[in-house]
Each structure stands twice: as structure tokens, then as C-alpha cells.
Amino acid sequence: YTSDSSGTNYLYLCNGYQTFFADASGNGIWESISIPSNSAYSAYKAQLDLSRPIMLQAYTKDGLVDWGEGHSMMNVGYGRNTSGTGYLCVLDGRDYTLRYVRMDYYPKMFGYAIVVN
């Protein structure tokens, strides 16, 4: 599902979670809730308020076919600055700490809230 040249295809992310969270019989004990592209800040906040981390996909373009370069991040929190701009708190492997990404920074962004039963 992952290659050095293209990274992880977002279509396979939920398959990876199924493998990770499956019990010995192969049955999953989790589910994902899709957060579509161009969803409002409140959609992410609502899932995070329910203690559901979000596998976040962000892309540098918002074309019908060309999404540009992509990046996967685990969204674990949120915040607003003093002027009210929404930020998502993410872990992305680029740093050893959490960082904040402005909600409108990437032209195309969507996610999967992860629910473990």
C-alpha cells in the first residue's frame, strides 16, 4: 500500500486500520467516519470532541484529477488563534512534537475519524 515514490494511497488507509485493529478471527473492532473534502472546522471539532482521532489527508491542489502532492497526518486536537482562525493539531512524522496546521492552508483536505469499539 505504500511506496517510496508515491507514499500511501489514501484509498488504502482504512484497510490498514482494519488489519491493525482486527482481532484473531479477522473481525474488526473499529469503524471509520468519513469527513468529506471542504468540510467545516466544526466537522473536525465534533469528532475530536468525541475522542476520535482523525486520519487527515491534505493535498496541495484541489483539481478534479490532479490533487498535487499529498500528506497524511494524525489529527488529535484543535484550537483557534486570537483572531478566531481554526487550527488542527497534528502528528505527521516530520517533527517529534505536535504542530498546528491552519484549517485553510491546504486546498484539498479530508479525513477519517477512527472509532475503536
PDB file of N, CA and C in Angstrom:
ATOM      1  N   TYR A   1       0.806  -1.204   0.000  1.00  0.00           N
ATOM      2  CA  TYR A   1       0.000   0.000   0.000  1.00  0.00           C
ATOM      3  C   TYR A   1       0.846   1.264   0.000  1.00  0.00           C
ATOM      4  N   THR A   2       2.098   1.149   0.324  1.00  0.00           N
ATOM      5  CA  THR A   2       2.979   2.306   0.405  1.00  0.00           C
ATOM      6  C   THR A   2       4.206   2.074  -0.455  1.00  0.00           C
ATOM      7  N   SER A   3       4.643   3.129  -1.140  1.00  0.00           N
ATOM      8  CA  SER A   3       5.873   3.036  -1.919  1.00  0.00           C
ATOM      9  C   SER A   3       6.718   4.271  -1.646  1.00  0.00           C
ATOM     10  N   ASP A   4       8.021   4.149  -1.869  1.00  0.00           N
ATOM     11  CA  ASP A   4       8.917   5.284  -1.653  1.00  0.00           C
ATOM     12  C   ASP A   4       8.598   6.439  -2.589  1.00  0.00           C
ATOM     13  N   SER A   5       8.153   6.128  -3.805  1.00  0.00           N
ATOM     14  CA  SER A   5       7.930   7.181  -4.792  1.00  0.00           C
ATOM     15  C   SER A   5       6.615   7.915  -4.612  1.00  0.00           C
ATOM     16  N   SER A   6       5.564   7.218  -4.157  1.00  0.00           N
ATOM     17  CA  SER A   6       4.259   7.878  -4.090  1.00  0.00           C
ATOM     18  C   SER A   6       3.629   7.901  -2.703  1.00  0.00           C
ATOM     19  N   GLY A   7       4.268   7.313  -1.710  1.00  0.00           N
ATOM     20  CA  GLY A   7       3.702   7.318  -0.363  1.00  0.00           C
ATOM     21  C   GLY A   7       2.537   6.354  -0.244  1.00  0.00           C
ATOM     22  N   THR A   8       1.637   6.642   0.672  1.00  0.00           N
ATOM     23  CA  THR A   8       0.478   5.786   0.901  1.00  0.00           C
ATOM     24  C   THR A   8      -0.731   6.335   0.173  1.00  0.00           C
ATOM     25  N   ASN A   9      -1.359   5.522  -0.622  1.00  0.00           N
ATOM     26  CA  ASN A   9      -2.578   5.913  -1.317  1.00  0.00           C
ATOM     27  C   ASN A   9      -3.707   6.002  -0.296  1.00  0.00           C
ATOM     28  N   TYR A  10      -4.402   7.121  -0.247  1.00  0.00           N
ATOM     29  CA  TYR A  10      -5.441   7.331   0.761  1.00  0.00           C
ATOM     30  C   TYR A  10      -6.546   6.266   0.693  1.00  0.00           C
ATOM     31  N   LEU A  11      -6.739   5.644  -0.480  1.00  0.00           N
ATOM     32  CA  LEU A  11      -7.775   4.627  -0.616  1.00  0.00           C
ATOM     33  C   LEU A  11      -7.490   3.396   0.243  1.00  0.00           C
ATOM     34  N   TYR A  12      -6.240   3.202   0.645  1.00  0.00           N
ATOM     35  CA  TYR A  12      -5.857   2.019   1.412  1.00  0.00           C
ATOM     36  C   TYR A  12      -5.750   2.274   2.911  1.00  0.00           C
ATOM     37  N   LEU A  13      -5.956   3.498   3.350  1.00  0.00           N
ATOM     38  CA  LEU A  13      -5.795   3.802   4.772  1.00  0.00           C
ATOM     39  C   LEU A  13      -6.724   2.983   5.650  1.00  0.00           C
ATOM     40  N   CYS A  14      -7.981   2.908   5.300  1.00  0.00           N
ATOM     41  CA  CYS A  14      -8.928   2.148   6.128  1.00  0.00           C
ATOM     42  C   CYS A  14      -8.598   0.667   6.133  1.00  0.00           C
ATOM     43  N   ASN A  15      -8.045   0.128   5.033  1.00  0.00           N
ATOM     44  CA  ASN A  15      -7.607  -1.269   5.015  1.00  0.00           C
ATOM     45  C   ASN A  15      -6.505  -1.494   6.039  1.00  0.00           C
ATOM     46  N   GLY A  16      -5.612  -0.532   6.169  1.00  0.00           N
ATOM     47  CA  GLY A  16      -4.538  -0.630   7.154  1.00  0.00           C
ATOM     48  C   GLY A  16      -5.067  -0.640   8.566  1.00  0.00           C
ATOM     49  N   TYR A  17      -6.050   0.189   8.843  1.00  0.00           N
ATOM     50  CA  TYR A  17      -6.655   0.188  10.179  1.00  0.00           C
ATOM     51  C   TYR A  17      -7.379  -1.126  10.439  1.00  0.00           C
ATOM     52  N   GLN A  18      -8.037  -1.675   9.426  1.00  0.00           N
ATOM     53  CA  GLN A  18      -8.720  -2.953   9.583  1.00  0.00           C
ATOM     54  C   GLN A  18      -7.720  -4.035   9.994  1.00  0.00           C
ATOM     55  N   THR A  19      -6.569  -4.054   9.341  1.00  0.00           N
ATOM     56  CA  THR A  19      -5.535  -5.033   9.676  1.00  0.00           C
ATOM     57  C   THR A  19      -5.010  -4.806  11.091  1.00  0.00           C
ATOM     58  N   PHE A  20      -4.781  -3.564  11.452  1.00  0.00           N
ATOM     59  CA  PHE A  20      -4.214  -3.238  12.764  1.00  0.00           C
ATOM     60  C   PHE A  20      -5.173  -3.561  13.905  1.00  0.00           C
ATOM     61  N   PHE A  21      -6.454  -3.213  13.749  1.00  0.00           N
ATOM     62  CA  PHE A  21      -7.420  -3.373  14.830  1.00  0.00           C
ATOM     63  C   PHE A  21      -8.188  -4.701  14.800  1.00  0.00           C
ATOM     64  N   ALA A  22      -7.962  -5.533  13.792  1.00  0.00           N
ATOM     65  CA  ALA A  22      -8.698  -6.794  13.693  1.00  0.00           C
ATOM     66  C   ALA A  22      -8.324  -7.725  14.844  1.00  0.00           C
ATOM     67  N   ASP A  23      -9.293  -8.485  15.301  1.00  0.00           N
ATOM     68  CA  ASP A  23      -8.996  -9.485  16.328  1.00  0.00           C
ATOM     69  C   ASP A  23      -8.484 -10.762  15.657  1.00  0.00           C
ATOM     70  N   ALA A  24      -8.227 -11.788  16.435  1.00  0.00           N
ATOM     71  CA  ALA A  24      -7.631 -13.020  15.904  1.00  0.00           C
ATOM     72  C   ALA A  24      -8.476 -13.676  14.808  1.00  0.00           C
ATOM     73  N   SER A  25      -9.791 -13.488  14.851  1.00  0.00           N
ATOM     74  CA  SER A  25     -10.658 -14.091  13.832  1.00  0.00           C
ATOM     75  C   SER A  25     -10.721 -13.257  12.557  1.00  0.00           C
ATOM     76  N   GLY A  26     -10.081 -12.084  12.570  1.00  0.00           N
ATOM     77  CA  GLY A  26     -10.099 -11.210  11.406  1.00  0.00           C
ATOM     78  C   GLY A  26     -11.230 -10.200  11.410  1.00  0.00           C
ATOM     79  N   ASN A  27     -12.065 -10.261  12.449  1.00  0.00           N
ATOM     80  CA  ASN A  27     -13.158  -9.293  12.551  1.00  0.00           C
ATOM     81  C   ASN A  27     -12.642  -7.989  13.152  1.00  0.00           C
ATOM     82  N   GLY A  28     -13.039  -6.900  12.582  1.00  0.00           N
ATOM     83  CA  GLY A  28     -12.603  -5.609  13.075  1.00  0.00           C
ATOM     84  C   GLY A  28     -13.364  -5.177  14.317  1.00  0.00           C
ATOM     85  N   ILE A  29     -12.728  -4.424  15.152  1.00  0.00           N
ATOM     86  CA  ILE A  29     -13.363  -3.870  16.346  1.00  0.00           C
ATOM     87  C   ILE A  29     -13.333  -2.344  16.271  1.00  0.00           C
ATOM     88  N   TRP A  30     -13.421  -1.838  15.067  1.00  0.00           N
ATOM     89  CA  TRP A  30     -13.321  -0.400  14.840  1.00  0.00           C
ATOM     90  C   TRP A  30     -14.215  -0.023  13.669  1.00  0.00           C
ATOM     91  N   GLU A  31     -14.358   1.271  13.474  1.00  0.00           N
ATOM     92  CA  GLU A  31     -15.035   1.794  12.290  1.00  0.00           C
ATOM     93  C   GLU A  31     -14.450   3.164  11.975  1.00  0.00           C
ATOM     94  N   SER A  32     -14.691   3.623  10.769  1.00  0.00           N
ATOM     95  CA  SER A  32     -14.238   4.961  10.401  1.00  0.00           C
ATOM     96  C   SER A  32     -15.440   5.784   9.963  1.00  0.00           C
ATOM     97  N   ILE A  33     -15.350   7.077  10.211  1.00  0.00           N
ATOM     98  CA  ILE A  33     -16.390   8.019   9.813  1.00  0.00           C
ATOM     99  C   ILE A  33     -15.741   9.028   8.872  1.00  0.00           C
ATOM    100  N   SER A  34     -16.236   9.084   7.664  1.00  0.00           N
ATOM    101  CA  SER A  34     -15.654   9.958   6.648  1.00  0.00           C
ATOM    102  C   SER A  34     -15.985  11.421   6.915  1.00  0.00           C
ATOM    103  N   ILE A  35     -14.969  12.261   6.780  1.00  0.00           N
ATOM    104  CA  ILE A  35     -15.148  13.714   6.811  1.00  0.00           C
ATOM    105  C   ILE A  35     -14.772  14.203   5.417  1.00  0.00           C
ATOM    106  N   PRO A  36     -15.762  14.545   4.594  1.00  0.00           N
ATOM    107  CA  PRO A  36     -15.501  14.869   3.187  1.00  0.00           C
ATOM    108  C   PRO A  36     -14.641  16.120   2.989  1.00  0.00           C
ATOM    109  N   SER A  37     -14.073  16.209   1.796  1.00  0.00           N
ATOM    110  CA  SER A  37     -13.289  17.385   1.417  1.00  0.00           C
ATOM    111  C   SER A  37     -14.132  18.649   1.572  1.00  0.00           C
ATOM    112  N   ASN A  38     -13.496  19.703   1.971  1.00  0.00           N
ATOM    113  CA  ASN A  38     -14.118  21.018   2.160  1.00  0.00           C
ATOM    114  C   ASN A  38     -15.114  21.058   3.319  1.00  0.00           C
ATOM    115  N   SER A  39     -15.005  20.106   4.257  1.00  0.00           N
ATOM    116  CA  SER A  39     -15.860  20.151   5.448  1.00  0.00           C
ATOM    117  C   SER A  39     -15.436  21.313   6.340  1.00  0.00           C
ATOM    118  N   ALA A  40     -16.365  21.796   7.099  1.00  0.00           N
ATOM    119  CA  ALA A  40     -16.112  22.922   8.000  1.00  0.00           C
ATOM    120  C   ALA A  40     -15.260  22.478   9.189  1.00  0.00           C
ATOM    121  N   TYR A  41     -14.608  23.422   9.802  1.00  0.00           N
ATOM    122  CA  TYR A  41     -13.821  23.224  11.016  1.00  0.00           C
ATOM    123  C   TYR A  41     -14.654  22.494  12.069  1.00  0.00           C
ATOM    124  N   SER A  42     -15.931  22.820  12.151  1.00  0.00           N
ATOM    125  CA  SER A  42     -16.820  22.219  13.156  1.00  0.00           C
ATOM    126  C   SER A  42     -16.961  20.706  12.966  1.00  0.00           C
ATOM    127  N   ALA A  43     -16.827  20.201  11.729  1.00  0.00           N
ATOM    128  CA  ALA A  43     -16.919  18.756  11.488  1.00  0.00           C
ATOM    129  C   ALA A  43     -15.743  18.025  12.137  1.00  0.00           C
ATOM    130  N   TYR A  44     -14.557  18.606  12.041  1.00  0.00           N
ATOM    131  CA  TYR A  44     -13.376  18.019  12.677  1.00  0.00           C
ATOM    132  C   TYR A  44     -13.483  18.142  14.197  1.00  0.00           C
ATOM    133  N   LYS A  45     -13.877  19.299  14.649  1.00  0.00           N
ATOM    134  CA  LYS A  45     -14.012  19.557  16.085  1.00  0.00           C
ATOM    135  C   LYS A  45     -15.014  18.590  16.726  1.00  0.00           C
ATOM    136  N   ALA A  46     -16.124  18.344  16.059  1.00  0.00           N
ATOM    137  CA  ALA A  46     -17.154  17.457  16.612  1.00  0.00           C
ATOM    138  C   ALA A  46     -16.612  16.040  16.825  1.00  0.00           C
ATOM    139  N   GLN A  47     -15.855  15.523  15.867  1.00  0.00           N
ATOM    140  CA  GLN A  47     -15.283  14.178  16.011  1.00  0.00           C
ATOM    141  C   GLN A  47     -14.210  14.143  17.098  1.00  0.00           C
ATOM    142  N   LEU A  48     -13.385  15.168  17.152  1.00  0.00           N
ATOM    143  CA  LEU A  48     -12.342  15.225  18.179  1.00  0.00           C
ATOM    144  C   LEU A  48     -12.945  15.375  19.572  1.00  0.00           C
ATOM    145  N   ASP A  49     -14.052  16.093  19.680  1.00  0.00           N
ATOM    146  CA  ASP A  49     -14.734  16.228  20.976  1.00  0.00           C
ATOM    147  C   ASP A  49     -15.284  14.894  21.471  1.00  0.00           C
ATOM    148  N   LEU A  50     -15.484  13.937  20.565  1.00  0.00           N
ATOM    149  CA  LEU A  50     -15.929  12.590  20.923  1.00  0.00           C
ATOM    150  C   LEU A  50     -14.744  11.637  21.129  1.00  0.00           C
ATOM    151  N   SER A  51     -13.539  12.206  21.262  1.00  0.00           N
ATOM    152  CA  SER A  51     -12.290  11.442  21.471  1.00  0.00           C
ATOM    153  C   SER A  51     -11.972  10.517  20.301  1.00  0.00           C
ATOM    154  N   ARG A  52     -12.248  10.989  19.091  1.00  0.00           N
ATOM    155  CA  ARG A  52     -11.961  10.222  17.878  1.00  0.00           C
ATOM    156  C   ARG A  52     -10.834  10.901  17.106  1.00  0.00           C
ATOM    157  N   PRO A  53      -9.639  10.327  17.106  1.00  0.00           N
ATOM    158  CA  PRO A  53      -8.570  10.912  16.288  1.00  0.00           C
ATOM    159  C   PRO A  53      -8.942  10.804  14.813  1.00  0.00           C
ATOM    160  N   ILE A  54      -8.390  11.676  14.007  1.00  0.00           N
ATOM    161  CA  ILE A  54      -8.745  11.736  12.588  1.00  0.00           C
ATOM    162  C   ILE A  54      -7.504  11.503  11.737  1.00  0.00           C
ATOM    163  N   MET A  55      -7.580  10.509  10.846  1.00  0.00           N
ATOM    164  CA  MET A  55      -6.532  10.307   9.855  1.00  0.00           C
ATOM    165  C   MET A  55      -6.788  11.340   8.768  1.00  0.00           C
ATOM    166  N   LEU A  56      -5.952  12.343   8.726  1.00  0.00           N
ATOM    167  CA  LEU A  56      -6.155  13.508   7.878  1.00  0.00           C
ATOM    168  C   LEU A  56      -5.323  13.397   6.608  1.00  0.00           C
ATOM    169  N   GLN A  57      -5.940  13.664   5.480  1.00  0.00           N
ATOM    170  CA  GLN A  57      -5.270  13.686   4.183  1.00  0.00           C
ATOM    171  C   GLN A  57      -5.313  15.120   3.653  1.00  0.00           C
ATOM    172  N   ALA A  58      -4.159  15.642   3.274  1.00  0.00           N
ATOM    173  CA  ALA A  58      -4.086  17.008   2.763  1.00  0.00           C
ATOM    174  C   ALA A  58      -3.320  17.014   1.445  1.00  0.00           C
ATOM    175  N   TYR A  59      -3.769  17.853   0.514  1.00  0.00           N
ATOM    176  CA  TYR A  59      -3.172  17.911  -0.818  1.00  0.00           C
ATOM    177  C   TYR A  59      -2.944  19.366  -1.228  1.00  0.00           C
ATOM    178  N   THR A  60      -1.922  19.560  -2.080  1.00  0.00           N
ATOM    179  CA  THR A  60      -1.531  20.905  -2.497  1.00  0.00           C
ATOM    180  C   THR A  60      -2.377  21.476  -3.629  1.00  0.00           C
ATOM    181  N   LYS A  61      -3.236  20.660  -4.242  1.00  0.00           N
ATOM    182  CA  LYS A  61      -4.126  21.135  -5.305  1.00  0.00           C
ATOM    183  C   LYS A  61      -5.517  20.563  -5.069  1.00  0.00           C
ATOM    184  N   ASP A  62      -6.533  21.209  -5.647  1.00  0.00           N
ATOM    185  CA  ASP A  62      -7.909  20.745  -5.492  1.00  0.00           C
ATOM    186  C   ASP A  62      -8.565  20.505  -6.844  1.00  0.00           C
ATOM    187  N   GLY A  63      -7.807  19.945  -7.766  1.00  0.00           N
ATOM    188  CA  GLY A  63      -8.361  19.668  -9.090  1.00  0.00           C
ATOM    189  C   GLY A  63      -9.218  18.412  -9.091  1.00  0.00           C
ATOM    190  N   LEU A  64      -9.972  18.219 -10.159  1.00  0.00           N
ATOM    191  CA  LEU A  64     -10.791  17.013 -10.282  1.00  0.00           C
ATOM    192  C   LEU A  64      -9.930  15.763 -10.384  1.00  0.00           C
ATOM    193  N   VAL A  65      -8.796  15.864 -11.067  1.00  0.00           N
ATOM    194  CA  VAL A  65      -7.910  14.727 -11.251  1.00  0.00           C
ATOM    195  C   VAL A  65      -6.576  14.950 -10.539  1.00  0.00           C
ATOM    196  N   ASP A  66      -6.011  16.137 -10.694  1.00  0.00           N
ATOM    197  CA  ASP A  66      -4.706  16.450 -10.123  1.00  0.00           C
ATOM    198  C   ASP A  66      -4.858  17.057  -8.726  1.00  0.00           C
ATOM    199  N   TRP A  67      -4.482  16.276  -7.712  1.00  0.00           N
ATOM    200  CA  TRP A  67      -4.535  16.775  -6.338  1.00  0.00           C
ATOM    201  C   TRP A  67      -3.178  17.269  -5.860  1.00  0.00           C
ATOM    202  N   GLY A  68      -2.173  17.200  -6.729  1.00  0.00           N
ATOM    203  CA  GLY A  68      -0.851  17.650  -6.337  1.00  0.00           C
ATOM    204  C   GLY A  68      -0.216  16.682  -5.353  1.00  0.00           C
ATOM    205  N   GLU A  69       0.690  17.206  -4.544  1.00  0.00           N
ATOM    206  CA  GLU A  69       1.374  16.378  -3.552  1.00  0.00           C
ATOM    207  C   GLU A  69       0.496  16.202  -2.325  1.00  0.00           C
ATOM    208  N   GLY A  70       0.539  15.011  -1.754  1.00  0.00           N
ATOM    209  CA  GLY A  70      -0.283  14.712  -0.595  1.00  0.00           C
ATOM    210  C   GLY A  70       0.533  14.492   0.662  1.00  0.00           C
ATOM    211  N   HIS A  71      -0.160  14.568   1.787  1.00  0.00           N
ATOM    212  CA  HIS A  71       0.490  14.372   3.074  1.00  0.00           C
ATOM    213  C   HIS A  71      -0.533  13.801   4.050  1.00  0.00           C
ATOM    214  N   SER A  72      -0.149  12.747   4.774  1.00  0.00           N
ATOM    215  CA  SER A  72      -1.010  12.139   5.785  1.00  0.00           C
ATOM    216  C   SER A  72      -0.595  12.624   7.171  1.00  0.00           C
ATOM    217  N   MET A  73      -1.585  12.926   7.985  1.00  0.00           N
ATOM    218  CA  MET A  73      -1.324  13.391   9.347  1.00  0.00           C
ATOM    219  C   MET A  73      -2.370  12.796  10.277  1.00  0.00           C
ATOM    220  N   MET A  74      -2.035  12.617  11.539  1.00  0.00           N
ATOM    221  CA  MET A  74      -2.998  12.191  12.539  1.00  0.00           C
ATOM    222  C   MET A  74      -3.438  13.450  13.296  1.00  0.00           C
ATOM    223  N   ASN A  75      -4.711  13.767  13.173  1.00  0.00           N
ATOM    224  CA  ASN A  75      -5.290  14.951  13.809  1.00  0.00           C
ATOM    225  C   ASN A  75      -5.799  14.555  15.198  1.00  0.00           C
ATOM    226  N   VAL A  76      -5.213  15.158  16.237  1.00  0.00           N
ATOM    227  CA  VAL A  76      -5.552  14.775  17.609  1.00  0.00           C
ATOM    228  C   VAL A  76      -6.117  15.922  18.450  1.00  0.00           C
ATOM    229  N   GLY A  77      -6.223  17.095  17.870  1.00  0.00           N
ATOM    230  CA  GLY A  77      -6.751  18.232  18.629  1.00  0.00           C
ATOM    231  C   GLY A  77      -7.024  19.411  17.728  1.00  0.00           C
ATOM    232  N   TYR A  78      -7.417  20.503  18.327  1.00  0.00           N
ATOM    233  CA  TYR A  78      -7.747  21.705  17.570  1.00  0.00           C
ATOM    234  C   TYR A  78      -7.570  22.935  18.461  1.00  0.00           C
ATOM    235  N   GLY A  79      -7.617  24.088  17.839  1.00  0.00           N
ATOM    236  CA  GLY A  79      -7.537  25.349  18.572  1.00  0.00           C
ATOM    237  C   GLY A  79      -7.824  26.504  17.647  1.00  0.00           C
ATOM    238  N   ARG A  80      -7.973  27.671  18.233  1.00  0.00           N
ATOM    239  CA  ARG A  80      -8.176  28.904  17.458  1.00  0.00           C
ATOM    240  C   ARG A  80      -7.192  29.951  17.953  1.00  0.00           C
ATOM    241  N   ASN A  81      -6.735  30.798  17.042  1.00  0.00           N
ATOM    242  CA  ASN A  81      -5.882  31.897  17.494  1.00  0.00           C
ATOM    243  C   ASN A  81      -6.754  33.050  17.980  1.00  0.00           C
ATOM    244  N   THR A  82      -6.144  34.133  18.390  1.00  0.00           N
ATOM    245  CA  THR A  82      -6.904  35.249  18.979  1.00  0.00           C
ATOM    246  C   THR A  82      -7.834  35.936  17.986  1.00  0.00           C
ATOM    247  N   SER A  83      -7.582  35.758  16.681  1.00  0.00           N
ATOM    248  CA  SER A  83      -8.489  36.339  15.694  1.00  0.00           C
ATOM    249  C   SER A  83      -9.568  35.349  15.242  1.00  0.00           C
ATOM    250  N   GLY A  84      -9.574  34.125  15.808  1.00  0.00           N
ATOM    251  CA  GLY A  84     -10.626  33.152  15.514  1.00  0.00           C
ATOM    252  C   GLY A  84     -10.325  32.164  14.414  1.00  0.00           C
ATOM    253  N   THR A  85      -9.126  32.204  13.831  1.00  0.00           N
ATOM    254  CA  THR A  85      -8.769  31.256  12.780  1.00  0.00           C
ATOM    255  C   THR A  85      -8.623  29.852  13.363  1.00  0.00           C
ATOM    256  N   GLY A  86      -9.239  28.853  12.717  1.00  0.00           N
ATOM    257  CA  GLY A  86      -9.191  27.476  13.195  1.00  0.00           C
ATOM    258  C   GLY A  86      -7.911  26.762  12.795  1.00  0.00           C
ATOM    259  N   TYR A  87      -7.350  26.017  13.732  1.00  0.00           N
ATOM    260  CA  TYR A  87      -6.153  25.213  13.513  1.00  0.00           C
ATOM    261  C   TYR A  87      -6.418  23.778  13.965  1.00  0.00           C
ATOM    262  N   LEU A  88      -5.799  22.831  13.270  1.00  0.00           N
ATOM    263  CA  LEU A  88      -5.862  21.431  13.668  1.00  0.00           C
ATOM    264  C   LEU A  88      -4.498  21.025  14.217  1.00  0.00           C
ATOM    265  N   CYS A  89      -4.490  20.361  15.354  1.00  0.00           N
ATOM    266  CA  CYS A  89      -3.269  19.890  15.991  1.00  0.00           C
ATOM    267  C   CYS A  89      -2.958  18.502  15.424  1.00  0.00           C
ATOM    268  N   VAL A  90      -1.772  18.336  14.837  1.00  0.00           N
ATOM    269  CA  VAL A  90      -1.455  17.102  14.122  1.00  0.00           C
ATOM    270  C   VAL A  90      -0.106  16.517  14.538  1.00  0.00           C
ATOM    271  N   LEU A  91      -0.008  15.221  14.313  1.00  0.00           N
ATOM    272  CA  LEU A  91       1.258  14.479  14.344  1.00  0.00           C
ATOM    273  C   LEU A  91       1.475  14.012  12.919  1.00  0.00           C
ATOM    274  N   ASP A  92       2.666  14.272  12.380  1.00  0.00           N
ATOM    275  CA  ASP A  92       2.845  13.887  10.979  1.00  0.00           C
ATOM    276  C   ASP A  92       4.169  13.224  10.662  1.00  0.00           C
ATOM    277  N   GLY A  93       4.979  12.971  11.644  1.00  0.00           N
ATOM    278  CA  GLY A  93       6.253  12.312  11.383  1.00  0.00           C
ATOM    279  C   GLY A  93       7.351  13.245  10.921  1.00  0.00           C
ATOM    280  N   ARG A  94       7.032  14.478  10.621  1.00  0.00           N
ATOM    281  CA  ARG A  94       8.070  15.430  10.212  1.00  0.00           C
ATOM    282  C   ARG A  94       8.800  16.003  11.418  1.00  0.00           C
ATOM    283  N   ASP A  95       8.107  16.029  12.541  1.00  0.00           N
ATOM    284  CA  ASP A  95       8.685  16.554  13.774  1.00  0.00           C
ATOM    285  C   ASP A  95       8.463  15.532  14.880  1.00  0.00           C
ATOM    286  N   TYR A  96       9.081  15.764  16.016  1.00  0.00           N
ATOM    287  CA  TYR A  96       8.888  14.888  17.165  1.00  0.00           C
ATOM    288  C   TYR A  96       7.830  15.428  18.110  1.00  0.00           C
ATOM    289  N   THR A  97       7.202  16.507  17.732  1.00  0.00           N
ATOM    290  CA  THR A  97       6.195  17.133  18.581  1.00  0.00           C
ATOM    291  C   THR A  97       4.923  17.387  17.787  1.00  0.00           C
ATOM    292  N   LEU A  98       3.885  17.759  18.503  1.00  0.00           N
ATOM    293  CA  LEU A  98       2.644  18.174  17.847  1.00  0.00           C
ATOM    294  C   LEU A  98       2.869  19.505  17.156  1.00  0.00           C
ATOM    295  N   ARG A  99       2.131  19.742  16.101  1.00  0.00           N
ATOM    296  CA  ARG A  99       2.163  21.067  15.462  1.00  0.00           C
ATOM    297  C   ARG A  99       0.762  21.424  15.022  1.00  0.00           C
ATOM    298  N   TYR A 100       0.546  22.674  14.755  1.00  0.00           N
ATOM    299  CA  TYR A 100      -0.769  23.159  14.335  1.00  0.00           C
ATOM    300  C   TYR A 100      -0.741  23.517  12.863  1.00  0.00           C
ATOM    301  N   VAL A 101      -1.796  23.091  12.148  1.00  0.00           N
ATOM    302  CA  VAL A 101      -1.952  23.390  10.729  1.00  0.00           C
ATOM    303  C   VAL A 101      -3.208  24.244  10.581  1.00  0.00           C
ATOM    304  N   ARG A 102      -3.060  25.389   9.932  1.00  0.00           N
ATOM    305  CA  ARG A 102      -4.215  26.263   9.712  1.00  0.00           C
ATOM    306  C   ARG A 102      -5.246  25.537   8.860  1.00  0.00           C
ATOM    307  N   MET A 103      -6.485  25.621   9.260  1.00  0.00           N
ATOM    308  CA  MET A 103      -7.571  24.873   8.622  1.00  0.00           C
ATOM    309  C   MET A 103      -7.658  25.134   7.112  1.00  0.00           C
ATOM    310  N   ASP A 104      -7.355  26.314   6.660  1.00  0.00           N
ATOM    311  CA  ASP A 104      -7.484  26.653   5.239  1.00  0.00           C
ATOM    312  C   ASP A 104      -6.142  26.624   4.494  1.00  0.00           C
ATOM    313  N   TYR A 105      -5.114  26.021   5.093  1.00  0.00           N
ATOM    314  CA  TYR A 105      -3.783  26.021   4.478  1.00  0.00           C
ATOM    315  C   TYR A 105      -3.733  25.157   3.215  1.00  0.00           C
ATOM    316  N   TYR A 106      -4.309  23.958   3.275  1.00  0.00           N
ATOM    317  CA  TYR A 106      -4.291  23.049   2.128  1.00  0.00           C
ATOM    318  C   TYR A 106      -5.564  23.226   1.295  1.00  0.00           C
ATOM    319  N   PRO A 107      -5.438  23.300  -0.043  1.00  0.00           N
ATOM    320  CA  PRO A 107      -6.621  23.454  -0.899  1.00  0.00           C
ATOM    321  C   PRO A 107      -7.584  22.265  -0.819  1.00  0.00           C
ATOM    322  N   LYS A 108      -7.063  21.068  -0.597  1.00  0.00           N
ATOM    323  CA  LYS A 108      -7.916  19.879  -0.501  1.00  0.00           C
ATOM    324  C   LYS A 108      -7.532  19.125   0.768  1.00  0.00           C
ATOM    325  N   MET A 109      -8.531  18.895   1.624  1.00  0.00           N
ATOM    326  CA  MET A 109      -8.277  18.189   2.865  1.00  0.00           C
ATOM    327  C   MET A 109      -9.528  17.407   3.252  1.00  0.00           C
ATOM    328  N   PHE A 110      -9.342  16.172   3.660  1.00  0.00           N
ATOM    329  CA  PHE A 110     -10.441  15.347   4.145  1.00  0.00           C
ATOM    330  C   PHE A 110      -9.878  14.365   5.152  1.00  0.00           C
ATOM    331  N   GLY A 111     -10.752  13.635   5.836  1.00  0.00           N
ATOM    332  CA  GLY A 111     -10.239  12.731   6.848  1.00  0.00           C
ATOM    333  C   GLY A 111     -11.184  11.598   7.186  1.00  0.00           C
ATOM    334  N   TYR A 112     -10.683  10.728   8.044  1.00  0.00           N
ATOM    335  CA  TYR A 112     -11.445   9.593   8.544  1.00  0.00           C
ATOM    336  C   TYR A 112     -11.310   9.580  10.063  1.00  0.00           C
ATOM    337  N   ALA A 113     -12.414   9.826  10.754  1.00  0.00           N
ATOM    338  CA  ALA A 113     -12.397   9.714  12.209  1.00  0.00           C
ATOM    339  C   ALA A 113     -12.357   8.226  12.558  1.00  0.00           C
ATOM    340  N   ILE A 114     -11.475   7.872  13.469  1.00  0.00           N
ATOM    341  CA  ILE A 114     -11.264   6.468  13.835  1.00  0.00           C
ATOM    342  C   ILE A 114     -11.979   6.187  15.167  1.00  0.00           C
ATOM    343  N   VAL A 115     -12.881   5.212  15.139  1.00  0.00           N
ATOM    344  CA  VAL A 115     -13.633   4.814  16.317  1.00  0.00           C
ATOM    345  C   VAL A 115     -13.249   3.385  16.643  1.00  0.00           C
ATOM    346  N   VAL A 116     -12.679   3.173  17.820  1.00  0.00           N
ATOM    347  CA  VAL A 116     -12.324   1.822  18.261  1.00  0.00           C
ATOM    348  C   VAL A 116     -13.349   1.394  19.294  1.00  0.00           C
ATOM    349  N   ASN A 117     -14.007   0.291  19.020  1.00  0.00           N
ATOM    350  CA  ASN A 117     -15.067  -0.211  19.913  1.00  0.00           C
ATOM    351  C   ASN A 117     -14.497  -1.071  21.024  1.00  0.00           C
TER     352      ASN A 117
END
